C-alpha atoms as a PDB file:
ATOM      1  CA  THR A   1     -11.984  -7.988  10.711  1.00  0.00           C
ATOM      2  CA  VAL A   2     -10.956 -11.324  12.162  1.00  0.00           C
ATOM      3  CA  ASN A   3     -13.378 -13.133  14.445  1.00  0.00           C
ATOM      4  CA  LYS A   4     -11.333 -16.216  15.410  1.00  0.00           C
ATOM      5  CA  PRO A   5      -7.878 -16.239  17.063  1.00  0.00           C
ATOM      6  CA  TRP A   6      -4.844 -17.864  15.465  1.00  0.00           C
ATOM      7  CA  PRO A   7      -1.534 -19.153  16.888  1.00  0.00           C
ATOM      8  CA  GLY A   8       0.901 -16.356  17.544  1.00  0.00           C
ATOM      9  CA  MET A   9      -1.801 -13.670  17.590  1.00  0.00           C
ATOM     10  CA  LEU A  10      -0.946 -10.552  19.575  1.00  0.00           C
ATOM     11  CA  ARG A  11      -2.468 -11.039  23.037  1.00  0.00           C
ATOM     12  CA  THR A  12      -1.766  -7.746  24.785  1.00  0.00           C
ATOM     13  CA  LEU A  13       0.409  -4.644  24.851  1.00  0.00           C
ATOM     14  CA  TYR A  14       3.073  -4.713  27.537  1.00  0.00           C
ATOM     15  CA  LYS A  15       1.544  -3.491  30.808  1.00  0.00           C
ATOM     16  CA  ASN A  16      -1.359  -1.894  28.940  1.00  0.00           C
ATOM     17  CA  ASP A  17      -4.281  -4.287  28.426  1.00  0.00           C
ATOM     18  CA  GLU A  18      -6.774  -1.415  28.177  1.00  0.00           C
ATOM     19  CA  ARG A  19      -4.938   0.201  25.246  1.00  0.00           C
ATOM     20  CA  PHE A  20      -4.731  -3.206  23.539  1.00  0.00           C
ATOM     21  CA  ILE A  21      -8.518  -3.537  23.748  1.00  0.00           C
ATOM     22  CA  GLN A  22      -9.090   0.020  22.518  1.00  0.00           C
ATOM     23  CA  GLU A  23      -6.620  -0.268  19.649  1.00  0.00           C
ATOM     24  CA  TYR A  24      -7.488  -3.699  18.234  1.00  0.00           C
ATOM     25  CA  TRP A  25     -10.911  -4.740  19.524  1.00  0.00           C
ATOM     26  CA  GLN A  26     -13.173  -1.860  20.503  1.00  0.00           C
ATOM     27  CA  GLU A  27     -14.129  -0.488  17.077  1.00  0.00           C
ATOM     28  CA  TYR A  28     -15.918  -3.645  15.901  1.00  0.00           C
ATOM     29  CA  SER A  29     -16.616  -5.504  19.148  1.00  0.00           C
ATOM     30  CA  ASP A  30     -18.960  -5.486  22.091  1.00  0.00           C
ATOM     31  CA  THR A  31     -16.104  -5.360  24.610  1.00  0.00           C
ATOM     32  CA  ASP A  32     -18.543  -5.510  27.539  1.00  0.00           C
ATOM     33  CA  SER A  33     -19.683  -8.975  26.449  1.00  0.00           C
ATOM     34  CA  ASP A  34     -18.350 -12.206  27.925  1.00  0.00           C
ATOM     35  CA  ASP A  35     -19.223 -14.060  24.704  1.00  0.00           C
ATOM     36  CA  PRO A  36     -16.050 -14.495  22.597  1.00  0.00           C
ATOM     37  CA  ASP A  37     -18.175 -14.367  19.424  1.00  0.00           C
ATOM     38  CA  ASP A  38     -18.944 -10.715  20.209  1.00  0.00           C
ATOM     39  CA  TRP A  39     -15.257  -9.817  20.050  1.00  0.00           C
ATOM     40  CA  VAL A  40     -13.835  -8.997  16.598  1.00  0.00           C
ATOM     41  CA  TYR A  41     -10.128  -8.232  16.069  1.00  0.00           C
ATOM     42  CA  PHE A  42      -9.192  -5.424  13.660  1.00  0.00           C
ATOM     43  CA  PRO A  43      -5.632  -5.930  12.342  1.00  0.00           C
ATOM     44  CA  GLU A  44      -5.621  -2.525  10.562  1.00  0.00           C
ATOM     45  CA  ASP A  45      -5.078  -4.119   7.154  1.00  0.00           C
ATOM     46  CA  GLY A  46      -7.495  -3.480   4.313  1.00  0.00           C
ATOM     47  CA  ALA A  47      -8.685  -6.219   1.974  1.00  0.00           C
ATOM     48  CA  LYS A  48     -11.246  -6.836  -0.742  1.00  0.00           C
ATOM     49  CA  ILE A  49     -13.136  -9.910  -1.887  1.00  0.00           C
ATOM     50  CA  ASP A  50     -13.469 -10.365  -5.652  1.00  0.00           C
ATOM     51  CA  GLY A  51     -16.290 -12.034  -7.585  1.00  0.00           C
ATOM     52  CA  ASP A  52     -14.713 -15.473  -7.092  1.00  0.00           C
ATOM     53  CA  ASP A  53     -14.511 -14.971  -3.296  1.00  0.00           C
ATOM     54  CA  TYR A  54     -10.728 -14.584  -3.353  1.00  0.00           C
ATOM     55  CA  ILE A  55      -9.432 -12.202  -0.696  1.00  0.00           C
ATOM     56  CA  THR A  56      -6.733  -9.711  -1.696  1.00  0.00           C
ATOM     57  CA  ILE A  57      -4.949  -7.894   1.125  1.00  0.00           C
ATOM     58  CA  LEU A  58      -4.477  -4.305  -0.007  1.00  0.00           C
ATOM     59  CA  GLY A  59      -2.282  -2.957   2.770  1.00  0.00           C
ATOM     60  CA  ARG A  60      -2.340  -0.999   5.985  1.00  0.00           C
ATOM     61  CA  VAL A  61      -5.291   1.322   6.438  1.00  0.00           C
ATOM     62  CA  ASP A  62      -3.044   3.725   8.343  1.00  0.00           C
ATOM     63  CA  ASP A  63      -0.483   4.188   5.526  1.00  0.00           C
ATOM     64  CA  VAL A  64      -0.934   7.790   4.424  1.00  0.00           C
ATOM     65  CA  ILE A  65       0.793  10.306   2.191  1.00  0.00           C
ATOM     66  CA  ASN A  66       0.485  13.967   3.174  1.00  0.00           C
ATOM     67  CA  VAL A  67       0.116  15.962  -0.062  1.00  0.00           C
ATOM     68  CA  SER A  68      -0.283  19.703   0.555  1.00  0.00           C
ATOM     69  CA  GLY A  69      -1.915  19.005   3.913  1.00  0.00           C
ATOM     70  CA  HIS A  70      -4.283  16.361   2.501  1.00  0.00           C
ATOM     71  CA  ARG A  71      -3.880  12.932   4.106  1.00  0.00           C
ATOM     72  CA  LEU A  72      -4.293  10.352   1.341  1.00  0.00           C
ATOM     73  CA  GLY A  73      -4.494   6.619   1.983  1.00  0.00           C
ATOM     74  CA  THR A  74      -2.050   4.593  -0.081  1.00  0.00           C
ATOM     75  CA  MET A  75      -4.534   1.732  -0.217  1.00  0.00           C
ATOM     76  CA  GLU A  76      -7.169   3.920  -1.906  1.00  0.00           C
ATOM     77  CA  ILE A  77      -4.693   5.259  -4.459  1.00  0.00           C
ATOM     78  CA  GLU A  78      -3.402   1.767  -5.234  1.00  0.00           C
ATOM     79  CA  SER A  79      -6.972   0.502  -5.648  1.00  0.00           C
ATOM     80  CA  ALA A  80      -7.711   3.334  -8.087  1.00  0.00           C
ATOM     81  CA  ILE A  81      -4.611   2.450 -10.125  1.00  0.00           C
ATOM     82  CA  VAL A  82      -5.365  -1.278 -10.178  1.00  0.00           C
ATOM     83  CA  GLY A  83      -8.881  -0.368 -11.336  1.00  0.00           C
ATOM     84  CA  VAL A  84      -7.425   0.978 -14.596  1.00  0.00           C
ATOM     85  CA  GLU A  85      -7.736  -1.523 -17.435  1.00  0.00           C
ATOM     86  CA  GLY A  86      -4.369  -3.106 -18.184  1.00  0.00           C
ATOM     87  CA  VAL A  87      -2.895  -2.687 -14.678  1.00  0.00           C
ATOM     88  CA  ALA A  88      -2.025  -5.859 -12.767  1.00  0.00           C
ATOM     89  CA  GLU A  89      -0.492  -4.498  -9.545  1.00  0.00           C
ATOM     90  CA  ALA A  90       0.608  -1.195  -8.047  1.00  0.00           C
ATOM     91  CA  ALA A  91       2.359   0.276  -5.031  1.00  0.00           C
ATOM     92  CA  VAL A  92       2.417   3.950  -4.082  1.00  0.00           C
ATOM     93  CA  VAL A  93       4.648   5.833  -1.674  1.00  0.00           C
ATOM     94  CA  GLY A  94       5.265   9.404  -0.680  1.00  0.00           C
ATOM     95  CA  GLY A  95       8.236  11.180  -2.182  1.00  0.00           C
ATOM     96  CA  ASN A  96       9.655  14.488  -0.973  1.00  0.00           C
ATOM     97  CA  HIS A  97       8.289  17.511  -2.834  1.00  0.00           C
ATOM     98  CA  GLU A  98       9.465  21.124  -2.462  1.00  0.00           C
ATOM     99  CA  VAL A  99       5.992  22.660  -2.642  1.00  0.00           C
ATOM    100  CA  LYS A 100       3.560  19.915  -1.591  1.00  0.00           C
ATOM    101  CA  GLY A 101       5.654  18.371   1.184  1.00  0.00           C
ATOM    102  CA  GLU A 102       5.055  14.916  -0.262  1.00  0.00           C
ATOM    103  CA  ALA A 103       3.986  13.742  -3.696  1.00  0.00           C
ATOM    104  CA  VAL A 104       2.558  10.419  -4.861  1.00  0.00           C
ATOM    105  CA  TYR A 105       5.005   8.076  -6.591  1.00  0.00           C
ATOM    106  CA  ALA A 106       3.358   5.084  -8.266  1.00  0.00           C
ATOM    107  CA  TYR A 107       5.138   1.871  -9.200  1.00  0.00           C
ATOM    108  CA  VAL A 108       3.005  -0.119 -11.622  1.00  0.00           C
ATOM    109  CA  ILE A 109       3.048  -3.616 -13.104  1.00  0.00           C
ATOM    110  CA  THR A 110       0.955  -3.848 -16.250  1.00  0.00           C
ATOM    111  CA  GLU A 111      -0.798  -6.897 -17.604  1.00  0.00           C
ATOM    112  CA  GLU A 112       1.084  -8.941 -20.181  1.00  0.00           C
ATOM    113  CA  GLY A 113       1.022  -7.333 -23.627  1.00  0.00           C
ATOM    114  CA  GLN A 114       0.001  -3.909 -22.287  1.00  0.00           C
ATOM    115  CA  ASP A 115       1.947  -0.946 -23.684  1.00  0.00           C
ATOM    116  CA  GLU A 116       3.857   0.949 -21.004  1.00  0.00           C
ATOM    117  CA  ASP A 117       3.717   4.356 -22.619  1.00  0.00           C
ATOM    118  CA  ASP A 118       2.553   7.915 -21.999  1.00  0.00           C
ATOM    119  CA  GLU A 119      -1.002   6.964 -22.954  1.00  0.00           C
ATOM    120  CA  MET A 120      -1.064   4.334 -20.204  1.00  0.00           C
ATOM    121  CA  ARG A 121       0.470   6.816 -17.740  1.00  0.00           C
ATOM    122  CA  GLY A 122      -2.294   9.260 -18.641  1.00  0.00           C
ATOM    123  CA  ARG A 123      -4.982   6.635 -18.064  1.00  0.00           C
ATOM    124  CA  ILE A 124      -3.503   5.820 -14.653  1.00  0.00           C
ATOM    125  CA  ILE A 125      -3.376   9.485 -13.643  1.00  0.00           C
ATOM    126  CA  GLU A 126      -6.923  10.011 -14.911  1.00  0.00           C
ATOM    127  CA  GLY A 127      -8.110   6.931 -13.005  1.00  0.00           C
ATOM    128  CA  VAL A 128      -6.678   8.279  -9.750  1.00  0.00           C
ATOM    129  CA  GLU A 129      -8.117  11.756 -10.335  1.00  0.00           C
ATOM    130  CA  ASP A 130     -11.560  10.310 -11.126  1.00  0.00           C
ATOM    131  CA  ALA A 131     -11.570   8.007  -8.091  1.00  0.00           C
ATOM    132  CA  ILE A 132     -10.047  10.343  -5.490  1.00  0.00           C
ATOM    133  CA  GLY A 133      -9.447  13.787  -6.962  1.00  0.00           C
ATOM    134  CA  PRO A 134      -6.665  15.874  -8.499  1.00  0.00           C
ATOM    135  CA  ILE A 135      -4.811  16.150  -5.174  1.00  0.00           C
ATOM    136  CA  ALA A 136      -3.981  12.409  -5.404  1.00  0.00           C
ATOM    137  CA  ARG A 137      -2.521  12.689  -8.921  1.00  0.00           C
ATOM    138  CA  PRO A 138       0.750  10.707  -9.082  1.00  0.00           C
ATOM    139  CA  GLU A 139       3.821  12.897  -9.567  1.00  0.00           C
ATOM    140  CA  MET A 140       5.584   9.975 -11.209  1.00  0.00           C
ATOM    141  CA  VAL A 141       4.381   6.660 -12.652  1.00  0.00           C
ATOM    142  CA  VAL A 142       7.149   4.069 -12.957  1.00  0.00           C
ATOM    143  CA  PHE A 143       6.471   0.876 -14.909  1.00  0.00           C
ATOM    144  CA  THR A 144       8.267  -2.163 -13.574  1.00  0.00           C
ATOM    145  CA  PRO A 145       8.064  -5.902 -14.319  1.00  0.00           C
ATOM    146  CA  GLU A 146       8.103  -6.664 -10.571  1.00  0.00           C
ATOM    147  CA  LEU A 147       7.806  -4.927  -7.222  1.00  0.00           C
ATOM    148  CA  PRO A 148      10.413  -5.539  -4.512  1.00  0.00           C
ATOM    149  CA  LYS A 149       8.913  -8.169  -2.216  1.00  0.00           C
ATOM    150  CA  THR A 150       9.957 -10.120   0.820  1.00  0.00           C
ATOM    151  CA  ARG A 151      10.071 -13.880   0.731  1.00  0.00           C
ATOM    152  CA  SER A 152       6.594 -13.873   2.282  1.00  0.00           C
ATOM    153  CA  GLY A 153       5.279 -11.730  -0.594  1.00  0.00           C
ATOM    154  CA  LYS A 154       4.956  -8.340   1.115  1.00  0.00           C
ATOM    155  CA  ILE A 155       5.839  -5.297  -0.979  1.00  0.00           C
ATOM    156  CA  MET A 156       8.799  -3.436   0.529  1.00  0.00           C
ATOM    157  CA  ARG A 157       7.363   0.069   0.276  1.00  0.00           C
ATOM    158  CA  ARG A 158      10.198   1.394   2.425  1.00  0.00           C
ATOM    159  CA  LEU A 159      12.630   0.657  -0.422  1.00  0.00           C
ATOM    160  CA  LEU A 160      10.326   2.279  -2.984  1.00  0.00           C
ATOM    161  CA  GLU A 161      10.138   5.385  -0.797  1.00  0.00           C
ATOM    162  CA  GLU A 162      13.926   5.483  -0.453  1.00  0.00           C
ATOM    163  CA  ILE A 163      14.224   5.227  -4.247  1.00  0.00           C
ATOM    164  CA  ALA A 164      11.656   8.014  -4.756  1.00  0.00           C
ATOM    165  CA  ASN A 165      13.612  10.260  -2.404  1.00  0.00           C
ATOM    166  CA  GLY A 166      17.031   9.415  -3.852  1.00  0.00           C
ATOM    167  CA  GLU A 167      18.147   8.024  -0.504  1.00  0.00           C
ATOM    168  CA  GLU A 168      20.613   5.269   0.188  1.00  0.00           C
ATOM    169  CA  LEU A 169      18.809   1.954   0.435  1.00  0.00           C
ATOM    170  CA  GLY A 170      18.437   0.330   3.821  1.00  0.00           C
ATOM    171  CA  ASP A 171      18.505  -3.377   4.585  1.00  0.00           C
ATOM    172  CA  THR A 172      17.610  -5.525   1.573  1.00  0.00           C
ATOM    173  CA  THR A 173      18.468  -8.932   3.026  1.00  0.00           C
ATOM    174  CA  THR A 174      14.826 -10.057   3.173  1.00  0.00           C
ATOM    175  CA  LEU A 175      14.199  -9.315  -0.522  1.00  0.00           C
ATOM    176  CA  ARG A 176      13.369 -12.294  -2.700  1.00  0.00           C
ATOM    177  CA  ASN A 177      14.060 -10.293  -5.902  1.00  0.00           C
ATOM    178  CA  PRO A 178      16.896  -7.788  -5.236  1.00  0.00           C
ATOM    179  CA  GLU A 179      17.628  -7.349  -8.956  1.00  0.00           C
ATOM    180  CA  VAL A 180      14.376  -5.423  -9.452  1.00  0.00           C
ATOM    181  CA  VAL A 181      15.504  -2.660  -7.073  1.00  0.00           C
ATOM    182  CA  GLU A 182      18.399  -1.616  -9.317  1.00  0.00           C
ATOM    183  CA  SER A 183      16.100  -1.626 -12.338  1.00  0.00           C
ATOM    184  CA  ILE A 184      13.577   0.630 -10.580  1.00  0.00           C
ATOM    185  CA  GLN A 185      16.361   2.962  -9.389  1.00  0.00           C
ATOM    186  CA  ARG A 186      17.630   3.391 -12.957  1.00  0.00           C
ATOM    187  CA  GLN A 187      14.124   4.190 -14.207  1.00  0.00           C
ATOM    188  CA  VAL A 188      13.464   6.784 -11.496  1.00  0.00           C
ATOM    189  CA  GLU A 189      16.851   8.430 -12.075  1.00  0.00           C
ATOM    190  CA  SER A 190      16.145   8.674 -15.823  1.00  0.00           C
ATOM    191  CA  GLU A 191      12.728  10.354 -15.344  1.00  0.00           C
END
């Protein structure tokens, strides 16, 4: 939650102040209070604080993959993957699946010197199953040296989802590292 405003912060929803309060303030605030300190803004992003008090933004709490009718949070799956020894960063998306509707596709950056082999894939899958359950098991684990990111550092999950589904890629003009997209596409096509 955020308890102090910042420049450019969303101030209302067009012609719907009540919905704005319900959506972004009500869950963690005393909205009947006139004291601004009682109002806490919830941006719907998840984050964690590590042992050194660094904050890592994990992603939207409303990003979900629907696997066989089970709604799975991408943030939880990514956290389980990053919890595996040797994993530096991960992004997961939903890919079309004939039976399940959607399946989990994981794109993983390993720590330097870590083998990117079937043993590591197995450890990642096991880590997800242990943390969440077999329903969250990644259908595919793709090792990549980088994830496609915008210039501001946000992972472009939309592109990863398009790659997982074999779709034509949308707008890539905001990518800071467009070369990684072709590399990931080749890997997914070869799996």
